[in-house]
PDB file of N, CA and C in Angstrom:
ATOM      1  N   MET A   1     202.997  25.387 150.464  1.00  0.00           N
ATOM      2  CA  MET A   1     202.428  25.416 151.785  1.00  0.00           C
ATOM      3  C   MET A   1     203.568  25.370 152.799  1.00  0.00           C
ATOM      4  N   CYS A   2     203.425  26.126 153.828  1.00  0.00           N
ATOM      5  CA  CYS A   2     204.443  26.172 154.867  1.00  0.00           C
ATOM      6  C   CYS A   2     203.784  25.817 156.195  1.00  0.00           C
ATOM      7  N   LEU A   3     204.328  24.831 156.885  1.00  0.00           N
ATOM      8  CA  LEU A   3     203.785  24.376 158.156  1.00  0.00           C
ATOM      9  C   LEU A   3     204.730  24.703 159.294  1.00  0.00           C
ATOM     10  N   ALA A   4     204.154  24.893 160.459  1.00  0.00           N
ATOM     11  CA  ALA A   4     204.963  24.930 161.674  1.00  0.00           C
ATOM     12  C   ALA A   4     205.104  23.493 162.126  1.00  0.00           C
ATOM     13  N   ILE A   5     206.320  23.054 162.370  1.00  0.00           N
ATOM     14  CA  ILE A   5     206.557  21.651 162.672  1.00  0.00           C
ATOM     15  C   ILE A   5     207.266  21.480 164.013  1.00  0.00           C
ATOM     16  N   PRO A   6     206.948  20.403 164.719  1.00  0.00           N
ATOM     17  CA  PRO A   6     207.673  20.102 165.952  1.00  0.00           C
ATOM     18  C   PRO A   6     209.027  19.482 165.624  1.00  0.00           C
ATOM     19  N   ALA A   7     210.021  19.810 166.422  1.00  0.00           N
ATOM     20  CA  ALA A   7     211.352  19.257 166.225  1.00  0.00           C
ATOM     21  C   ALA A   7     212.047  19.155 167.581  1.00  0.00           C
ATOM     22  N   LYS A   8     212.917  18.152 167.704  1.00  0.00           N
ATOM     23  CA  LYS A   8     213.644  17.902 168.951  1.00  0.00           C
ATOM     24  C   LYS A   8     215.024  18.547 168.877  1.00  0.00           C
ATOM     25  N   ILE A   9     215.375  19.300 169.894  1.00  0.00           N
ATOM     26  CA  ILE A   9     216.663  20.001 169.916  1.00  0.00           C
ATOM     27  C   ILE A   9     217.800  19.010 170.168  1.00  0.00           C
ATOM     28  N   LEU A  10     218.751  19.004 169.235  1.00  0.00           N
ATOM     29  CA  LEU A  10     219.938  18.157 169.347  1.00  0.00           C
ATOM     30  C   LEU A  10     221.162  18.929 169.804  1.00  0.00           C
ATOM     31  N   GLU A  11     221.204  20.204 169.429  1.00  0.00           N
ATOM     32  CA  GLU A  11     222.392  21.029 169.686  1.00  0.00           C
ATOM     33  C   GLU A  11     221.960  22.491 169.715  1.00  0.00           C
ATOM     34  N   ILE A  12     222.615  23.275 170.551  1.00  0.00           N
ATOM     35  CA  ILE A  12     222.359  24.714 170.599  1.00  0.00           C
ATOM     36  C   ILE A  12     223.697  25.419 170.513  1.00  0.00           C
ATOM     37  N   ASP A  13     223.793  26.374 169.578  1.00  0.00           N
ATOM     38  CA  ASP A  13     225.020  27.121 169.402  1.00  0.00           C
ATOM     39  C   ASP A  13     224.695  28.565 169.064  1.00  0.00           C
ATOM     40  N   ASP A  14     225.005  29.465 169.973  1.00  0.00           N
ATOM     41  CA  ASP A  14     224.870  30.897 169.751  1.00  0.00           C
ATOM     42  C   ASP A  14     223.463  31.291 169.282  1.00  0.00           C
ATOM     43  N   GLY A  15     222.449  30.796 169.992  1.00  0.00           N
ATOM     44  CA  GLY A  15     221.075  31.179 169.692  1.00  0.00           C
ATOM     45  C   GLY A  15     220.433  30.441 168.541  1.00  0.00           C
ATOM     46  N   VAL A  16     221.111  29.420 168.028  1.00  0.00           N
ATOM     47  CA  VAL A  16     220.567  28.619 166.928  1.00  0.00           C
ATOM     48  C   VAL A  16     220.535  27.155 167.372  1.00  0.00           C
ATOM     49  N   ALA A  17     219.353  26.544 167.231  1.00  0.00           N
ATOM     50  CA  ALA A  17     219.190  25.140 167.591  1.00  0.00           C
ATOM     51  C   ALA A  17     219.215  24.276 166.335  1.00  0.00           C
ATOM     52  N   THR A  18     219.984  23.198 166.398  1.00  0.00           N
ATOM     53  CA  THR A  18     219.925  22.166 165.369  1.00  0.00           C
ATOM     54  C   THR A  18     218.963  21.124 165.899  1.00  0.00           C
ATOM     55  N   CYS A  19     217.950  20.812 165.076  1.00  0.00           N
ATOM     56  CA  CYS A  19     216.855  19.977 165.547  1.00  0.00           C
ATOM     57  C   CYS A  19     216.588  18.812 164.615  1.00  0.00           C
ATOM     58  N   GLN A  20     216.146  17.717 165.206  1.00  0.00           N
ATOM     59  CA  GLN A  20     215.726  16.537 164.450  1.00  0.00           C
ATOM     60  C   GLN A  20     214.232  16.653 164.188  1.00  0.00           C
ATOM     61  N   VAL A  21     213.870  16.428 162.935  1.00  0.00           N
ATOM     62  CA  VAL A  21     212.466  16.469 162.544  1.00  0.00           C
ATOM     63  C   VAL A  21     212.019  15.043 162.257  1.00  0.00           C
ATOM     64  N   GLY A  22     211.007  14.588 162.965  1.00  0.00           N
ATOM     65  CA  GLY A  22     210.522  13.232 162.754  1.00  0.00           C
ATOM     66  C   GLY A  22     211.494  12.205 163.301  1.00  0.00           C
ATOM     67  N   GLU A  23     211.422  11.011 162.722  1.00  0.00           N
ATOM     68  CA  GLU A  23     212.227   9.897 163.226  1.00  0.00           C
ATOM     69  C   GLU A  23     213.484   9.638 162.409  1.00  0.00           C
ATOM     70  N   GLY A  24     213.627  10.299 161.279  1.00  0.00           N
ATOM     71  CA  GLY A  24     214.754  10.038 160.398  1.00  0.00           C
ATOM     72  C   GLY A  24     215.962  10.891 160.703  1.00  0.00           C
ATOM     73  N   ASP A  25     216.768  11.094 159.664  1.00  0.00           N
ATOM     74  CA  ASP A  25     218.004  11.855 159.791  1.00  0.00           C
ATOM     75  C   ASP A  25     217.831  13.329 159.436  1.00  0.00           C
ATOM     76  N   THR A  26     216.609  13.747 159.163  1.00  0.00           N
ATOM     77  CA  THR A  26     216.370  15.124 158.753  1.00  0.00           C
ATOM     78  C   THR A  26     216.594  16.075 159.919  1.00  0.00           C
ATOM     79  N   THR A  27     217.454  17.065 159.697  1.00  0.00           N
ATOM     80  CA  THR A  27     217.679  18.101 160.704  1.00  0.00           C
ATOM     81  C   THR A  27     217.442  19.466 160.086  1.00  0.00           C
ATOM     82  N   VAL A  28     217.063  20.393 160.932  1.00  0.00           N
ATOM     83  CA  VAL A  28     216.873  21.782 160.519  1.00  0.00           C
ATOM     84  C   VAL A  28     217.493  22.663 161.587  1.00  0.00           C
ATOM     85  N   GLN A  29     217.790  23.881 161.195  1.00  0.00           N
ATOM     86  CA  GLN A  29     218.285  24.859 162.156  1.00  0.00           C
ATOM     87  C   GLN A  29     217.225  25.924 162.351  1.00  0.00           C
ATOM     88  N   ALA A  30     217.100  26.371 163.586  1.00  0.00           N
ATOM     89  CA  ALA A  30     216.108  27.388 163.912  1.00  0.00           C
ATOM     90  C   ALA A  30     216.655  28.336 164.966  1.00  0.00           C
ATOM     91  N   SER A  31     216.378  29.597 164.776  1.00  0.00           N
ATOM     92  CA  SER A  31     216.743  30.587 165.780  1.00  0.00           C
ATOM     93  C   SER A  31     215.836  30.404 166.997  1.00  0.00           C
ATOM     94  N   ILE A  32     216.430  30.422 168.181  1.00  0.00           N
ATOM     95  CA  ILE A  32     215.642  30.335 169.409  1.00  0.00           C
ATOM     96  C   ILE A  32     215.569  31.689 170.113  1.00  0.00           C
ATOM     97  N   MET A  33     216.007  32.720 169.432  1.00  0.00           N
ATOM     98  CA  MET A  33     216.088  34.045 170.036  1.00  0.00           C
ATOM     99  C   MET A  33     214.720  34.664 170.323  1.00  0.00           C
ATOM    100  N   LEU A  34     213.645  34.199 169.682  1.00  0.00           N
ATOM    101  CA  LEU A  34     212.318  34.757 169.920  1.00  0.00           C
ATOM    102  C   LEU A  34     211.584  34.103 171.080  1.00  0.00           C
ATOM    103  N   LEU A  35     212.134  33.007 171.602  1.00  0.00           N
ATOM    104  CA  LEU A  35     211.459  32.300 172.686  1.00  0.00           C
ATOM    105  C   LEU A  35     211.509  33.105 173.977  1.00  0.00           C
ATOM    106  N   ASP A  36     210.415  33.030 174.734  1.00  0.00           N
ATOM    107  CA  ASP A  36     210.391  33.735 176.016  1.00  0.00           C
ATOM    108  C   ASP A  36     210.718  32.807 177.184  1.00  0.00           C
ATOM    109  N   GLU A  37     211.118  31.575 176.854  1.00  0.00           N
ATOM    110  CA  GLU A  37     211.531  30.622 177.878  1.00  0.00           C
ATOM    111  C   GLU A  37     212.788  29.901 177.424  1.00  0.00           C
ATOM    112  N   GLU A  38     213.558  29.439 178.386  1.00  0.00           N
ATOM    113  CA  GLU A  38     214.801  28.741 178.068  1.00  0.00           C
ATOM    114  C   GLU A  38     214.490  27.330 177.581  1.00  0.00           C
ATOM    115  N   VAL A  39     215.263  26.869 176.610  1.00  0.00           N
ATOM    116  CA  VAL A  39     215.147  25.495 176.126  1.00  0.00           C
ATOM    117  C   VAL A  39     216.494  24.815 176.273  1.00  0.00           C
ATOM    118  N   VAL A  40     216.452  23.490 176.377  1.00  0.00           N
ATOM    119  CA  VAL A  40     217.667  22.702 176.545  1.00  0.00           C
ATOM    120  C   VAL A  40     217.645  21.534 175.572  1.00  0.00           C
ATOM    121  N   LEU A  41     218.785  20.864 175.448  1.00  0.00           N
ATOM    122  CA  LEU A  41     218.867  19.697 174.577  1.00  0.00           C
ATOM    123  C   LEU A  41     217.791  18.691 174.967  1.00  0.00           C
ATOM    124  N   GLY A  42     217.132  18.135 173.951  1.00  0.00           N
ATOM    125  CA  GLY A  42     216.071  17.166 174.184  1.00  0.00           C
ATOM    126  C   GLY A  42     214.681  17.769 174.211  1.00  0.00           C
ATOM    127  N   ASP A  43     214.587  19.089 174.392  1.00  0.00           N
ATOM    128  CA  ASP A  43     213.281  19.750 174.346  1.00  0.00           C
ATOM    129  C   ASP A  43     212.729  19.717 172.926  1.00  0.00           C
ATOM    130  N   TYR A  44     211.412  19.763 172.828  1.00  0.00           N
ATOM    131  CA  TYR A  44     210.756  19.926 171.537  1.00  0.00           C
ATOM    132  C   TYR A  44     210.330  21.378 171.390  1.00  0.00           C
ATOM    133  N   ILE A  45     210.507  21.889 170.192  1.00  0.00           N
ATOM    134  CA  ILE A  45     210.055  23.240 169.874  1.00  0.00           C
ATOM    135  C   ILE A  45     209.230  23.170 168.596  1.00  0.00           C
ATOM    136  N   ILE A  46     208.401  24.171 168.408  1.00  0.00           N
ATOM    137  CA  ILE A  46     207.669  24.257 167.151  1.00  0.00           C
ATOM    138  C   ILE A  46     208.362  25.318 166.311  1.00  0.00           C
ATOM    139  N   ILE A  47     208.666  24.952 165.053  1.00  0.00           N
ATOM    140  CA  ILE A  47     209.464  25.804 164.166  1.00  0.00           C
ATOM    141  C   ILE A  47     208.629  26.237 162.977  1.00  0.00           C
ATOM    142  N   HIS A  48     208.734  27.516 162.650  1.00  0.00           N
ATOM    143  CA  HIS A  48     208.098  28.047 161.443  1.00  0.00           C
ATOM    144  C   HIS A  48     209.037  29.077 160.828  1.00  0.00           C
ATOM    145  N   ALA A  49     209.306  28.902 159.559  1.00  0.00           N
ATOM    146  CA  ALA A  49     210.130  29.855 158.794  1.00  0.00           C
ATOM    147  C   ALA A  49     211.481  30.128 159.455  1.00  0.00           C
ATOM    148  N   GLY A  50     212.069  29.078 160.050  1.00  0.00           N
ATOM    149  CA  GLY A  50     213.407  29.219 160.618  1.00  0.00           C
ATOM    150  C   GLY A  50     213.467  29.763 162.028  1.00  0.00           C
ATOM    151  N   PHE A  51     212.313  29.936 162.664  1.00  0.00           N
ATOM    152  CA  PHE A  51     212.275  30.460 164.026  1.00  0.00           C
ATOM    153  C   PHE A  51     211.492  29.519 164.932  1.00  0.00           C
ATOM    154  N   ALA A  52     212.009  29.297 166.131  1.00  0.00           N
ATOM    155  CA  ALA A  52     211.274  28.547 167.141  1.00  0.00           C
ATOM    156  C   ALA A  52     210.205  29.460 167.712  1.00  0.00           C
ATOM    157  N   LEU A  53     208.970  28.989 167.725  1.00  0.00           N
ATOM    158  CA  LEU A  53     207.862  29.803 168.217  1.00  0.00           C
ATOM    159  C   LEU A  53     207.556  29.552 169.682  1.00  0.00           C
ATOM    160  N   ARG A  54     207.693  28.290 170.103  1.00  0.00           N
ATOM    161  CA  ARG A  54     207.460  27.957 171.512  1.00  0.00           C
ATOM    162  C   ARG A  54     207.959  26.557 171.794  1.00  0.00           C
ATOM    163  N   ARG A  55     208.172  26.284 173.076  1.00  0.00           N
ATOM    164  CA  ARG A  55     208.549  24.947 173.526  1.00  0.00           C
ATOM    165  C   ARG A  55     207.275  24.117 173.622  1.00  0.00           C
ATOM    166  N   LEU A  56     207.385  22.835 173.269  1.00  0.00           N
ATOM    167  CA  LEU A  56     206.242  21.929 173.304  1.00  0.00           C
ATOM    168  C   LEU A  56     206.424  20.845 174.345  1.00  0.00           C
ATOM    169  N   ASP A  57     205.322  20.417 174.901  1.00  0.00           N
ATOM    170  CA  ASP A  57     205.312  19.236 175.734  1.00  0.00           C
ATOM    171  C   ASP A  57     205.668  18.047 174.840  1.00  0.00           C
ATOM    172  N   PRO A  58     206.536  17.130 175.290  1.00  0.00           N
ATOM    173  CA  PRO A  58     206.936  15.994 174.444  1.00  0.00           C
ATOM    174  C   PRO A  58     205.751  15.179 173.923  1.00  0.00           C
ATOM    175  N   LYS A  59     204.744  14.970 174.736  1.00  0.00           N
ATOM    176  CA  LYS A  59     203.571  14.200 174.300  1.00  0.00           C
ATOM    177  C   LYS A  59     202.838  14.940 173.177  1.00  0.00           C
ATOM    178  N   GLU A  60     202.673  16.242 173.323  1.00  0.00           N
ATOM    179  CA  GLU A  60     202.031  17.050 172.283  1.00  0.00           C
ATOM    180  C   GLU A  60     202.834  16.989 170.985  1.00  0.00           C
ATOM    181  N   ALA A  61     204.145  17.056 171.097  1.00  0.00           N
ATOM    182  CA  ALA A  61     205.003  17.002 169.910  1.00  0.00           C
ATOM    183  C   ALA A  61     204.854  15.660 169.196  1.00  0.00           C
ATOM    184  N   GLU A  62     204.877  14.558 169.946  1.00  0.00           N
ATOM    185  CA  GLU A  62     204.747  13.227 169.347  1.00  0.00           C
ATOM    186  C   GLU A  62     203.387  13.045 168.681  1.00  0.00           C
ATOM    187  N   GLU A  63     202.329  13.553 169.311  1.00  0.00           N
ATOM    188  CA  GLU A  63     200.990  13.457 168.729  1.00  0.00           C
ATOM    189  C   GLU A  63     200.907  14.245 167.417  1.00  0.00           C
ATOM    190  N   THR A  64     201.500  15.427 167.417  1.00  0.00           N
ATOM    191  CA  THR A  64     201.493  16.258 166.208  1.00  0.00           C
ATOM    192  C   THR A  64     202.288  15.589 165.092  1.00  0.00           C
ATOM    193  N   LEU A  65     203.451  15.031 165.418  1.00  0.00           N
ATOM    194  CA  LEU A  65     204.252  14.340 164.407  1.00  0.00           C
ATOM    195  C   LEU A  65     203.509  13.129 163.843  1.00  0.00           C
ATOM    196  N   LYS A  66     202.768  12.424 164.685  1.00  0.00           N
ATOM    197  CA  LYS A  66     201.981  11.283 164.208  1.00  0.00           C
ATOM    198  C   LYS A  66     200.913  11.760 163.226  1.00  0.00           C
ATOM    199  N   ILE A  67     200.238  12.839 163.539  1.00  0.00           N
ATOM    200  CA  ILE A  67     199.219  13.392 162.633  1.00  0.00           C
ATOM    201  C   ILE A  67     199.854  13.778 161.299  1.00  0.00           C
ATOM    202  N   LEU A  68     201.015  14.412 161.342  1.00  0.00           N
ATOM    203  CA  LEU A  68     201.697  14.796 160.110  1.00  0.00           C
ATOM    204  C   LEU A  68     202.111  13.574 159.300  1.00  0.00           C
ATOM    205  N   ARG A  69     202.612  12.531 159.967  1.00  0.00           N
ATOM    206  CA  ARG A  69     202.970  11.290 159.261  1.00  0.00           C
ATOM    207  C   ARG A  69     201.741  10.655 158.615  1.00  0.00           C
ATOM    208  N   ASP A  70     200.613  10.656 159.329  1.00  0.00           N
ATOM    209  CA  ASP A  70     199.369  10.116 158.774  1.00  0.00           C
ATOM    210  C   ASP A  70     198.939  10.910 157.544  1.00  0.00           C
ATOM    211  N   MET A  71     199.096  12.232 157.590  1.00  0.00           N
ATOM    212  CA  MET A  71     198.757  13.070 156.437  1.00  0.00           C
ATOM    213  C   MET A  71     199.643  12.736 155.242  1.00  0.00           C
ATOM    214  N   VAL A  72     200.928  12.544 155.498  1.00  0.00           N
ATOM    215  CA  VAL A  72     201.867  12.193 154.432  1.00  0.00           C
ATOM    216  C   VAL A  72     201.434  10.895 153.775  1.00  0.00           C
ATOM    217  N   GLU A  73     201.083   9.926 154.597  1.00  0.00           N
ATOM    218  CA  GLU A  73     200.654   8.632 154.064  1.00  0.00           C
ATOM    219  C   GLU A  73     199.407   8.785 153.191  1.00  0.00           C
ATOM    220  N   LEU A  74     198.452   9.576 153.633  1.00  0.00           N
ATOM    221  CA  LEU A  74     197.229   9.793 152.855  1.00  0.00           C
ATOM    222  C   LEU A  74     197.489  10.540 151.547  1.00  0.00           C
ATOM    223  N   MET A  75     198.525  11.378 151.539  1.00  0.00           N
ATOM    224  CA  MET A  75     198.838  12.173 150.348  1.00  0.00           C
ATOM    225  C   MET A  75     199.660  11.406 149.324  1.00  0.00           C
ATOM    226  N   GLY A  76     200.077  10.226 149.650  1.00  0.00           N
ATOM    227  CA  GLY A  76     200.836   9.460 148.674  1.00  0.00           C
ATOM    228  C   GLY A  76     202.176   8.993 149.162  1.00  0.00           C
ATOM    229  N   GLY A  77     202.421   9.110 150.434  1.00  0.00           N
ATOM    230  CA  GLY A  77     203.614   8.525 151.012  1.00  0.00           C
ATOM    231  C   GLY A  77     204.874   9.339 150.851  1.00  0.00           C
ATOM    232  N   GLU A  78     205.933   8.637 150.510  1.00  0.00           N
ATOM    233  CA  GLU A  78     207.304   9.163 150.511  1.00  0.00           C
ATOM    234  C   GLU A  78     207.487  10.427 149.678  1.00  0.00           C
ATOM    235  N   ASN A  79     206.690  10.613 148.640  1.00  0.00           N
ATOM    236  CA  ASN A  79     206.869  11.775 147.762  1.00  0.00           C
ATOM    237  C   ASN A  79     206.704  13.094 148.493  1.00  0.00           C
ATOM    238  N   TYR A  80     205.916  13.104 149.553  1.00  0.00           N
ATOM    239  CA  TYR A  80     205.658  14.331 150.282  1.00  0.00           C
ATOM    240  C   TYR A  80     206.426  14.438 151.594  1.00  0.00           C
ATOM    241  N   GLU A  81     206.992  13.337 152.048  1.00  0.00           N
ATOM    242  CA  GLU A  81     207.609  13.333 153.363  1.00  0.00           C
ATOM    243  C   GLU A  81     208.709  14.365 153.501  1.00  0.00           C
ATOM    244  N   HIS A  82     209.576  14.499 152.518  1.00  0.00           N
ATOM    245  CA  HIS A  82     210.674  15.457 152.625  1.00  0.00           C
ATOM    246  C   HIS A  82     210.181  16.890 152.666  1.00  0.00           C
ATOM    247  N   GLU A  83     208.989  17.163 152.145  1.00  0.00           N
ATOM    248  CA  GLU A  83     208.441  18.524 152.156  1.00  0.00           C
ATOM    249  C   GLU A  83     207.803  18.882 153.492  1.00  0.00           C
ATOM    250  N   MET A  84     207.278  17.866 154.206  1.00  0.00           N
ATOM    251  CA  MET A  84     206.573  18.136 155.442  1.00  0.00           C
ATOM    252  C   MET A  84     207.374  17.758 156.674  1.00  0.00           C
ATOM    253  N   LEU A  85     208.069  16.634 156.606  1.00  0.00           N
ATOM    254  CA  LEU A  85     208.784  16.148 157.775  1.00  0.00           C
ATOM    255  C   LEU A  85     210.239  16.046 157.446  1.00  0.00           C
TER     256      LEU A  85
END
């Protein structure tokens, strides 16, 4: 299963954002070249298959991450966290 996930931009270099996923140390890289709006450090974006799809409101991003964390907990906890968050 592949999910689009919210992530916070930590760094931007040549059209690629390094982003923090969730509250831990997990980072991912995503191309921001498909976005139709400018993003800056600290913005949240939704990422799918290595591409940023759109910028998210911080409150929306936090709510979505909470839902994903709740799903992980219901599925058995830590065993699934690295796959989703």
